Structure formats: C-alpha cells, structure tokens
Protein backbone atom coordinates (compact mmCIF):
# COMPACT_ATOMS: atom_id res chain seq x y z
CA UNK A 1 47.53 -12.52 21.02
CA UNK A 2 44.66 -14.57 21.83
CA UNK A 3 42.40 -11.42 22.12
CA UNK A 4 43.30 -10.12 18.28
CA UNK A 5 42.74 -14.20 17.12
CA UNK A 6 39.39 -14.27 18.59
CA UNK A 7 38.26 -10.80 17.03
CA UNK A 8 39.49 -11.59 13.74
CA UNK A 9 37.93 -15.01 13.45
CA UNK A 10 34.70 -13.44 15.12
CA UNK A 11 34.94 -10.86 11.81
CA UNK A 12 35.38 -13.75 9.47
CA UNK A 13 32.49 -15.55 10.65
CA UNK A 14 30.22 -12.61 10.54
CA UNK A 15 31.62 -11.97 6.91
CA UNK A 16 31.08 -15.49 5.38
CA UNK A 17 27.17 -15.02 6.45
CA UNK A 18 26.85 -17.83 8.98
CA UNK A 19 23.35 -18.24 9.65
CA UNK A 20 20.60 -20.78 12.02
CA UNK A 21 19.38 -23.15 9.78
CA UNK A 22 16.53 -25.49 11.04
CA UNK A 23 16.94 -28.74 9.47
CA UNK A 24 13.82 -31.17 9.30
CA UNK A 25 14.73 -34.73 8.48
CA UNK A 26 12.61 -37.76 6.66
CA UNK A 27 11.98 -38.66 10.09
CA UNK A 28 10.89 -35.10 11.34
CA UNK A 29 13.65 -34.94 13.75
CA UNK A 30 14.40 -31.05 14.06
CA UNK A 31 18.22 -30.14 14.34
CA UNK A 32 19.66 -26.25 14.56
CA UNK A 33 22.77 -26.23 12.31
CA UNK A 34 24.79 -23.11 12.07
CA UNK A 35 26.29 -22.98 8.57
CA UNK A 36 27.60 -20.46 6.11
CA UNK A 37 26.51 -20.11 2.47
CA UNK A 38 29.19 -21.99 1.43
CA UNK A 39 28.53 -24.99 3.55
CA UNK A 40 24.86 -24.59 2.43
CA UNK A 41 26.19 -24.38 -1.00
CA UNK A 42 27.96 -28.00 -0.44
CA UNK A 43 25.05 -29.33 1.17
CA UNK A 44 22.40 -28.88 -1.37
CA UNK A 45 24.12 -28.30 -4.56
CA UNK A 46 22.77 -24.91 -4.88
CA UNK A 47 24.59 -22.09 -6.67
CA UNK A 48 24.93 -18.48 -4.42
CA UNK A 49 22.59 -16.49 -6.86
CA UNK A 50 19.82 -18.94 -5.55
CA UNK A 51 21.09 -18.46 -1.60
CA UNK A 52 20.06 -14.66 -2.65
CA UNK A 53 16.93 -15.59 -2.95
CA UNK A 54 16.45 -16.60 0.81
CA UNK A 55 18.18 -13.75 2.37
CA UNK A 56 16.09 -11.82 4.55
CA UNK A 57 18.44 -8.66 4.08
CA UNK A 58 16.90 -8.65 0.39
CA UNK A 59 13.58 -8.09 -0.84
CA UNK A 60 12.87 -10.75 -3.48
CA UNK A 61 9.72 -11.51 -4.96
CA UNK A 62 7.73 -14.91 -4.57
CA UNK A 63 9.94 -17.67 -5.85
CA UNK A 64 9.75 -21.14 -6.78
CA UNK A 65 12.50 -22.48 -8.23
CA UNK A 66 13.97 -26.43 -9.06
CA UNK A 67 17.43 -27.25 -9.37
CA UNK A 68 19.36 -30.73 -9.71
CA UNK A 69 19.24 -31.43 -5.90
CA UNK A 70 17.12 -29.04 -4.49
CA UNK A 71 14.23 -27.02 -4.73
CA UNK A 72 14.45 -23.06 -3.49
CA UNK A 73 11.01 -21.78 -2.03
CA UNK A 74 10.35 -18.32 -1.06
CA UNK A 75 6.69 -17.81 -0.67
CA UNK A 76 5.71 -15.23 1.96
CA UNK A 77 6.77 -15.63 5.41
CA UNK A 78 8.28 -19.34 4.21
CA UNK A 79 12.12 -19.14 2.96
CA UNK A 80 13.43 -22.83 2.71
CA UNK A 81 15.58 -25.35 0.95
CA UNK A 82 13.92 -28.86 0.20
CA UNK A 83 16.07 -31.81 -0.90
CA UNK A 84 15.41 -35.36 -1.40
CA UNK A 85 15.50 -36.27 2.26
CA UNK A 86 15.50 -33.04 4.50
CA UNK A 87 14.21 -29.34 4.52
CA UNK A 88 16.03 -26.58 5.56
CA UNK A 89 14.48 -23.28 6.88
CA UNK A 90 16.06 -19.73 7.11
CA UNK A 91 13.46 -18.17 9.47
CA UNK A 92 12.45 -20.85 11.86
CA UNK A 93 12.27 -18.50 14.78
CA UNK A 94 9.80 -16.48 13.07
CA UNK A 95 6.27 -16.46 15.03
CA UNK A 96 4.36 -16.40 11.97
CA UNK A 97 6.62 -19.39 10.67
CA UNK A 98 6.03 -21.61 13.77
CA UNK A 99 2.30 -22.91 12.60
CA UNK A 100 3.68 -23.77 9.12
CA UNK A 101 6.72 -25.37 10.82
CA UNK A 102 4.37 -27.92 13.05
CA UNK A 103 2.07 -28.62 10.07
CA UNK A 104 5.25 -29.10 7.86
CA UNK A 105 6.85 -31.82 11.09
CA UNK A 106 3.39 -33.67 11.27
CA UNK A 107 3.32 -34.30 7.08
CA UNK A 108 7.02 -35.37 7.30
CA UNK A 109 5.94 -37.82 10.37
CA UNK A 110 3.00 -39.30 8.56
CA UNK A 111 4.64 -39.63 5.32
CA UNK A 112 7.96 -41.39 7.50
CA UNK A 113 5.58 -43.83 8.56
CA UNK A 114 3.34 -44.27 5.57
CA UNK A 115 6.82 -45.09 3.77
CA UNK A 116 7.54 -47.67 6.97
CA UNK A 117 4.31 -49.46 6.36
CA UNK A 118 4.97 -49.52 2.53
CA UNK A 119 8.36 -51.33 2.86
CA UNK A 120 6.28 -54.67 4.01
CA UNK A 121 2.96 -53.72 2.02
CA UNK A 122 -0.26 -55.69 1.53
CA UNK A 123 -1.23 -55.81 -1.89
CA UNK A 124 -4.48 -55.04 -1.30
CA UNK A 125 -3.70 -51.87 0.61
CA UNK A 126 -1.33 -50.48 -1.55
CA UNK A 127 -0.97 -46.77 -2.28
CA UNK A 128 0.56 -44.26 -3.97
CA UNK A 129 2.97 -42.13 -1.70
CA UNK A 130 4.50 -38.82 -2.64
CA UNK A 131 8.12 -38.26 -2.61
CA UNK A 132 9.36 -36.51 0.26
CA UNK A 133 9.91 -33.16 -1.64
CA UNK A 134 6.62 -33.43 -2.53
CA UNK A 135 5.29 -33.67 0.78
CA UNK A 136 7.32 -30.52 2.10
CA UNK A 137 6.12 -28.42 -1.14
CA UNK A 138 2.47 -28.94 -0.77
CA UNK A 139 2.95 -28.20 3.00
CA UNK A 140 4.88 -24.67 1.65
CA UNK A 141 2.14 -24.16 -1.06
CA UNK A 142 -0.63 -24.62 1.60
CA UNK A 143 0.96 -22.28 4.02
CA UNK A 144 1.48 -19.50 1.68
CA UNK A 145 -1.67 -19.93 -0.41
CA UNK A 146 -3.58 -19.85 3.32
CA UNK A 147 -2.10 -16.92 4.56
CA UNK A 148 -2.90 -14.80 1.35
CA UNK A 149 -6.40 -16.10 1.34
CA UNK A 150 -6.66 -15.26 4.70
CA UNK A 151 -5.87 -12.02 4.47
CA UNK A 152 -7.73 -11.41 1.36
CA UNK A 153 -10.92 -12.57 3.48
CA UNK A 154 -10.08 -9.98 6.31
CA UNK A 155 -9.50 -7.32 4.04
CA UNK A 156 -12.92 -8.02 2.21
CA UNK A 157 -14.51 -8.16 5.71
CA UNK A 158 -13.01 -4.52 6.72
CA UNK A 159 -13.69 -3.05 3.21
CA UNK A 160 -17.24 -3.50 2.49
CA UNK A 161 -18.44 -1.71 6.05
CA UNK A 162 -15.85 0.95 5.44
CA UNK A 163 -17.03 1.31 1.64
CA UNK A 164 -21.05 1.11 2.31
CA UNK A 165 -20.17 4.16 5.41
CA UNK A 166 -18.36 6.15 2.99
CA UNK A 167 -21.31 6.32 0.42
CA UNK A 168 -23.68 7.29 3.18
CA UNK A 169 -21.47 10.14 4.51
CA UNK A 170 -18.45 11.45 2.83
CA UNK A 171 -16.19 12.67 5.57
CA UNK A 172 -12.52 12.74 6.07
CA UNK A 173 -12.20 9.66 8.52
CA UNK A 174 -14.38 7.40 6.16
CA UNK A 175 -12.14 8.46 3.50
CA UNK A 176 -8.79 7.87 5.00
CA UNK A 177 -10.17 4.40 6.20
CA UNK A 178 -11.18 3.84 2.36
CA UNK A 179 -7.61 4.91 1.47
CA UNK A 180 -5.52 2.44 3.81
CA UNK A 181 -7.92 -0.59 2.24
CA UNK A 182 -7.19 0.39 -0.95
CA UNK A 183 -3.46 0.40 -0.13
CA UNK A 184 -3.80 -3.01 1.32
CA UNK A 185 -5.35 -4.27 -1.76
CA UNK A 186 -2.79 -3.31 -4.10
CA UNK A 187 -0.13 -4.92 -1.85
CA UNK A 188 -2.02 -8.10 -1.15
CA UNK A 189 -2.88 -8.37 -4.83
CA UNK A 190 0.59 -8.10 -5.81
CA UNK A 191 1.54 -10.34 -3.69
CA UNK A 192 -1.02 -12.98 -4.65
CA UNK A 193 -0.22 -11.96 -8.30
CA UNK A 194 3.61 -13.06 -8.25
CA UNK A 195 2.41 -16.60 -6.18
CA UNK A 196 0.13 -17.35 -8.79
CA UNK A 197 2.72 -16.60 -11.80
CA UNK A 198 5.25 -18.63 -10.40
CA UNK A 199 2.95 -21.73 -10.42
CA UNK A 200 1.63 -20.64 -14.01
CA UNK A 201 5.16 -20.67 -15.03
CA UNK A 202 5.85 -24.02 -13.21
CA UNK A 203 2.95 -25.50 -14.92
CA UNK A 204 3.50 -24.16 -18.39
CA UNK A 205 7.20 -25.64 -18.33
CA UNK A 206 7.35 -29.60 -17.96
CA UNK A 207 11.15 -29.31 -17.85
CA UNK A 208 11.16 -27.16 -14.96
CA UNK A 209 8.61 -29.32 -13.31
CA UNK A 210 10.78 -32.43 -14.08
CA UNK A 211 13.51 -30.84 -12.20
CA UNK A 212 11.73 -30.80 -9.15
CA UNK A 213 11.63 -34.90 -8.71
CA UNK A 214 14.63 -35.00 -6.53
CA UNK A 215 14.03 -38.37 -5.12
CA UNK A 216 13.28 -39.98 -8.75
CA UNK A 217 16.09 -38.29 -10.01
CA UNK A 218 18.53 -39.37 -7.37
CA UNK A 219 17.57 -42.86 -7.33
CA UNK A 220 18.00 -43.52 -11.07
CA UNK A 221 21.19 -41.64 -10.96
CA UNK A 222 22.47 -44.18 -8.52
CA UNK A 223 21.31 -46.73 -10.49
CA UNK A 224 22.94 -45.43 -13.74
CA UNK A 225 26.27 -44.99 -11.63
CA UNK A 226 25.81 -48.73 -10.62
CA UNK A 227 25.46 -49.79 -14.02
CA UNK A 228 28.73 -47.48 -15.14
CA UNK A 229 30.88 -49.22 -12.03
CA UNK A 230 30.20 -52.32 -13.49
CA UNK A 231 30.82 -51.91 -16.86
CA UNK A 232 33.97 -49.95 -15.94
CA UNK A 233 35.28 -52.75 -13.85
CA UNK A 234 35.02 -55.16 -16.93
CA UNK A 235 36.40 -51.95 -19.14
CA UNK A 236 40.43 -52.11 -20.05
CA UNK A 237 40.24 -48.63 -20.44
CA UNK A 238 38.79 -47.47 -16.92
CA UNK A 239 40.92 -44.58 -16.44
CA UNK A 240 39.36 -42.78 -19.57
CA UNK A 241 36.02 -43.47 -18.27
CA UNK A 242 37.19 -42.14 -14.84
CA UNK A 243 37.89 -38.78 -16.63
CA UNK A 244 35.01 -38.23 -18.34
CA UNK A 245 32.77 -39.19 -14.90
CA UNK A 246 31.78 -35.42 -14.28
CA UNK A 247 30.90 -35.16 -17.88
CA UNK A 248 28.35 -38.21 -17.54
CA UNK A 249 27.01 -36.82 -14.07
CA UNK A 250 25.78 -33.80 -15.64
CA UNK A 251 24.60 -35.88 -18.48
CA UNK A 252 22.76 -38.21 -16.25
CA UNK A 253 20.42 -35.60 -14.70
CA UNK A 254 19.43 -34.31 -18.13
CA UNK A 255 18.64 -37.83 -19.31
CA UNK A 256 17.04 -38.82 -16.20
CA UNK A 257 14.93 -35.34 -15.89
CA UNK A 258 13.45 -35.66 -19.76
CA UNK A 259 12.45 -39.34 -18.72
CA UNK A 260 10.17 -38.46 -15.58
CA UNK A 261 6.40 -38.14 -15.75
CA UNK A 262 5.34 -34.88 -14.32
CA UNK A 263 1.83 -35.50 -14.04
CA UNK A 264 1.58 -36.38 -10.11
CA UNK A 265 3.38 -32.96 -9.55
CA UNK A 266 1.22 -31.15 -12.27
CA UNK A 267 -1.78 -32.27 -10.38
CA UNK A 268 -0.50 -31.10 -7.07
CA UNK A 269 0.78 -27.73 -8.67
CA UNK A 270 -3.02 -27.52 -10.20
CA UNK A 271 -4.73 -27.48 -6.76
CA UNK A 272 -2.75 -24.81 -5.59
CA UNK A 273 -2.90 -22.64 -8.50
CA UNK A 274 -6.98 -23.26 -8.53
CA UNK A 275 -6.52 -21.70 -5.07
CA UNK A 276 -4.63 -18.88 -5.27
CA UNK A 277 -6.42 -18.25 -8.79
CA UNK A 278 -9.66 -17.90 -6.69
CA UNK A 279 -8.44 -15.70 -4.00
CA UNK A 280 -6.82 -13.10 -6.64
CA UNK A 281 -10.35 -13.47 -8.35
CA UNK A 282 -12.04 -12.30 -5.02
CA UNK A 283 -9.45 -9.33 -4.48
CA UNK A 284 -10.22 -8.49 -8.48
CA UNK A 285 -13.77 -8.41 -7.30
CA UNK A 286 -13.51 -6.11 -4.37
CA UNK A 287 -10.84 -3.82 -6.32
CA UNK A 288 -13.75 -3.65 -8.82
CA UNK A 289 -16.18 -2.76 -6.00
CA UNK A 290 -13.89 0.03 -4.54
CA UNK A 291 -13.73 1.56 -8.20
CA UNK A 292 -17.24 1.60 -8.38
CA UNK A 293 -17.26 3.38 -4.85
CA UNK A 294 -14.94 5.94 -5.85
CA UNK A 295 -17.01 6.64 -9.10
CA UNK A 296 -20.17 6.75 -7.14
CA UNK A 297 -18.47 9.22 -4.62
CA UNK A 298 -17.02 11.35 -7.83
CA UNK A 299 -20.41 11.48 -9.18
CA UNK A 300 -21.62 12.49 -5.55
CA UNK A 301 -19.11 15.58 -4.75
CA UNK A 302 -19.33 16.58 -8.85
CA UNK A 303 -23.03 17.30 -7.81
CA UNK A 304 -22.41 19.02 -4.85
CA UNK A 305 -19.76 21.23 -6.52
CA UNK A 306 -22.77 21.68 -9.27
CA UNK A 307 -24.87 23.01 -6.75
CA UNK A 308 -22.31 25.20 -4.85
CA UNK A 309 -21.50 26.72 -8.74
CA UNK A 310 -25.48 27.06 -9.00
CA UNK A 311 -25.47 28.75 -5.32
CA UNK A 312 -22.78 31.14 -6.38
CA UNK A 313 -24.35 32.22 -9.89
CA UNK A 314 -27.46 33.23 -7.43
CA UNK A 315 -25.70 34.67 -5.10
CA UNK A 316 -23.38 36.72 -7.59
CA UNK A 317 -26.82 37.81 -9.19
CA UNK A 318 -28.68 38.67 -6.08
CA UNK A 319 -25.63 41.25 -5.16
CA UNK A 320 -25.50 42.80 -8.94
CA UNK A 321 -29.28 43.51 -8.50
CA UNK A 322 -28.90 44.91 -4.83
CA UNK A 323 -26.26 46.75 -6.08
CA UNK A 324 -29.33 49.30 -8.16
CA UNK A 325 -30.91 49.71 -4.97
CA UNK A 326 -27.73 51.11 -3.33
CA UNK A 327 -27.29 53.37 -5.70
CA UNK A 328 -30.86 54.86 -4.86
CA UNK A 329 -29.75 54.78 -0.74
CA UNK A 330 -26.68 56.40 -2.01
CA UNK A 331 -28.43 59.34 -3.76
CA UNK A 332 -30.87 59.84 -0.76
CA UNK A 333 -27.49 60.26 1.22
CA UNK A 334 -25.78 62.49 -0.84
CA UNK A 335 -26.53 66.54 0.68
CA UNK A 336 -28.50 67.70 -2.41
CA UNK A 337 -31.90 69.41 -2.53
CA UNK A 338 -34.94 67.80 -4.19
CA UNK A 339 -38.59 67.98 -4.09
CA UNK A 340 -38.86 64.75 -1.89
CA UNK A 341 -36.48 66.19 1.06
CA UNK A 342 -39.16 69.04 0.64
CA UNK A 343 -41.77 68.77 3.62
CA UNK A 344 -43.97 71.38 2.03
CA UNK A 345 -44.25 69.57 -1.52
CA UNK A 346 -43.65 65.71 -0.44
CA UNK A 347 -43.99 64.10 2.61
CA UNK A 348 -43.79 60.11 3.93
CA UNK A 349 -46.18 58.93 1.39
CA UNK A 350 -44.05 59.84 -1.55
CA UNK A 351 -40.95 58.76 0.26
CA UNK A 352 -42.53 55.16 0.71
CA UNK A 353 -43.11 54.87 -2.67
CA UNK A 354 -39.58 55.69 -3.59
CA UNK A 355 -38.34 52.76 -1.43
CA UNK A 356 -40.95 50.66 -2.22
CA UNK A 357 -40.90 51.21 -5.89
CA UNK A 358 -36.89 50.26 -5.58
CA UNK A 359 -37.36 47.65 -3.90
CA UNK A 360 -39.82 45.89 -6.21
CA UNK A 361 -37.89 47.01 -9.14
CA UNK A 362 -34.86 45.21 -7.29
CA UNK A 363 -36.75 42.12 -7.04
CA UNK A 364 -37.89 42.04 -10.61
CA UNK A 365 -34.43 42.79 -11.88
CA UNK A 366 -33.18 39.27 -10.15
CA UNK A 367 -36.51 37.57 -10.87
CA UNK A 368 -35.89 38.28 -14.57
CA UNK A 369 -31.54 37.24 -14.11
CA UNK A 370 -32.58 34.14 -12.56
CA UNK A 371 -35.01 33.16 -15.39
CA UNK A 372 -32.75 34.10 -17.79
CA UNK A 373 -29.90 31.73 -16.11
CA UNK A 374 -32.21 28.99 -15.93
CA UNK A 375 -33.19 29.57 -20.11
CA UNK A 376 -29.65 29.49 -20.92
CA UNK A 377 -29.39 26.49 -19.02
CA UNK A 378 -26.80 27.90 -16.39
CA UNK A 379 -29.07 26.60 -13.31
CA UNK A 380 -31.26 23.96 -12.61
C-alpha cells in the first residue's frame, strides 16, 4: 500500500507542475524553492494565464506585464516574476542566465545598502533610490537588450566578409553562408522587434506603467487599510464594512494606480527603448546591405545568362551554316559520276577550288548571319 501511495503522490506532484524557482529577496539572499502553479499564484497574486507565459514548454514571444502585485518578465533567456520585495527566477540553472543572476544579485545588494543608508540620511547626501521592482526590472531589460545587441554585432561582423566574398566569387559555399546569415538575420530581427514593441506599448500606456509601481501601491494600500480600520473601529456598522472589504481592496488598487506618477519608470523604459531601437536600426541597415548584395548578384547572374544565350545563338548559327558545307561533303560522298571525278577532265586544282569555295561561302554566310543578329539587337 505504501508503494502505491508513493506512486500516486508522485503522479499528483508531477501533474501539479512543481518546478524549481530561485528566489532573491530584498537583501540579495537566494533560496531554491520547489513550488507548484497554485503556490506561485498565491505568492504573487498572478492568474494562471500569466504563468503560462513563463512555461518553458511553450514558445511565447517576449512579454512584459504589470499586474497588481507582480511584474511578469519573459525576455529572451530571462523568465522571472518580480514582486515588491523578491524576484522569482524559473530557469536559474541555464548557463546563459548565470551572468544575469550575478548582476541581478549585485544590484539588489547595492539597493539594499542604499536603503539602509537612506534610513538615516544626511540631508546633503539625499538621493533618489529606485524601488526594488525597478532595480530588478532594469537588470532584466539590460540583460535582454545586451544579449540582442551582442548577437546583432556578431552577425554584422560575420555578414560583411561573407557578402564581400559572394560578390567577388559566386559559389555554392558562399551562397550557403549568405543564406544562413540571412536566416539568422530574420530571426534576430523578429526577436528585437518584439522587445521593442513591448517597450513601446508600455511607454504609450500610462496605466500599464502605473501597474508596475508595486512598492508604492503596496505602501499606499497599507495606509488606506489602516485608515479604514481606524474608522471602522469607531463605526457602529462595523460588520457592513467587513463585508465590503474585498470590493474596497480592488477599488483601492485602482485608485492608487491612477494617482501614481509614471515619469520615473518612463525615463527608465525610454533608455532601453532607445538602445533596442538602435539595435533594430543596425539590423535594418544590415538587411538593406544583404538585399543590395542579392540585387547585385542577380544582375551578375542575369548578365552571365545573357552571355550564355548569345553564345548559344552564335553556336546555333555556326551549326546552321556548317550544315551547308556538309551538303557539299555529302555530294562528294555519293556514288555518282561527275566531271570533277574524272581525272582526264578535272584534277586536284578543280577539287581544291571546290572545297575552298565551299569553305569561303560558309564563312560568308556565318558573317552575314551574325551581322543580321547584331542589327536586330539579338547580339551585343
């Protein structure tokens, strides 16, 4: 019975979608947590459809979502959930995520030290400290944009020599290299375009940006709840207030969101929008260079094809006029009696004149045919 129970428990655990999450708290400390979908939903307040965006088995495009209590990030190799006090990474064991993880932890540590220093601030040294969620968000954006920019630079460095070789020598190997480069260019351009579209969408919608102010929303909500609790304690109809508490929570989030100033986040997003837009422009320039090279190659191939066609016309014409000479040779091969074959009436001189005249006539016909083709612009 115990073995059957263990098997059934294993099946339920597997079916519940338990995964390992690396949790970084506000002090920069890490912890590996095994949690299922429902546990993450309770911890972050996210609906199931938002967690599907991070599913490694599903190929979702780059996405950046702001929710009431969390920010969902699916940018390139980064799949994370950011709350007001922690970051949950899904694919922390991926080697490509290790540099990002180290940078994120360093930024969180600096933010923690700045927050402690700000607790007893010197009026002369007061500086604006970004909220925790923006520190993590900036690390994610920088990592994603840097990866795309590096890939674009690498592709550009490989593309120019390959395209130059192709223009100097059209071969199967050079054509295959350019084909692979063009495929990579299309793929990278699509990824960069999606990240750019996500940032542009956020910059165009103040409400979406306001949703990402998790710390301020949480602080203001706590203040409003304290004020409501104080007023409810003095209210005779306290039980009515408790019944409408869930409705007030939703209204509180909406009110807080509308009051937030998004200028700080807007400036942060604009910086990375400019960076990703520059990468996209670089890729567009490279695409134009590839297209120009393709046009040049097509022109070269068309020119060679025209030369081959002209050579075909000349060879066909030569074959035609030589056929006339073959007629003369065929006549000589017939078993008939003519004076040219009679040694008493004709000799070698007459034979040579006949052969020479036929050859000269053939050459004359060929020259006339070529001249006529040039006159009709069939040949250059």
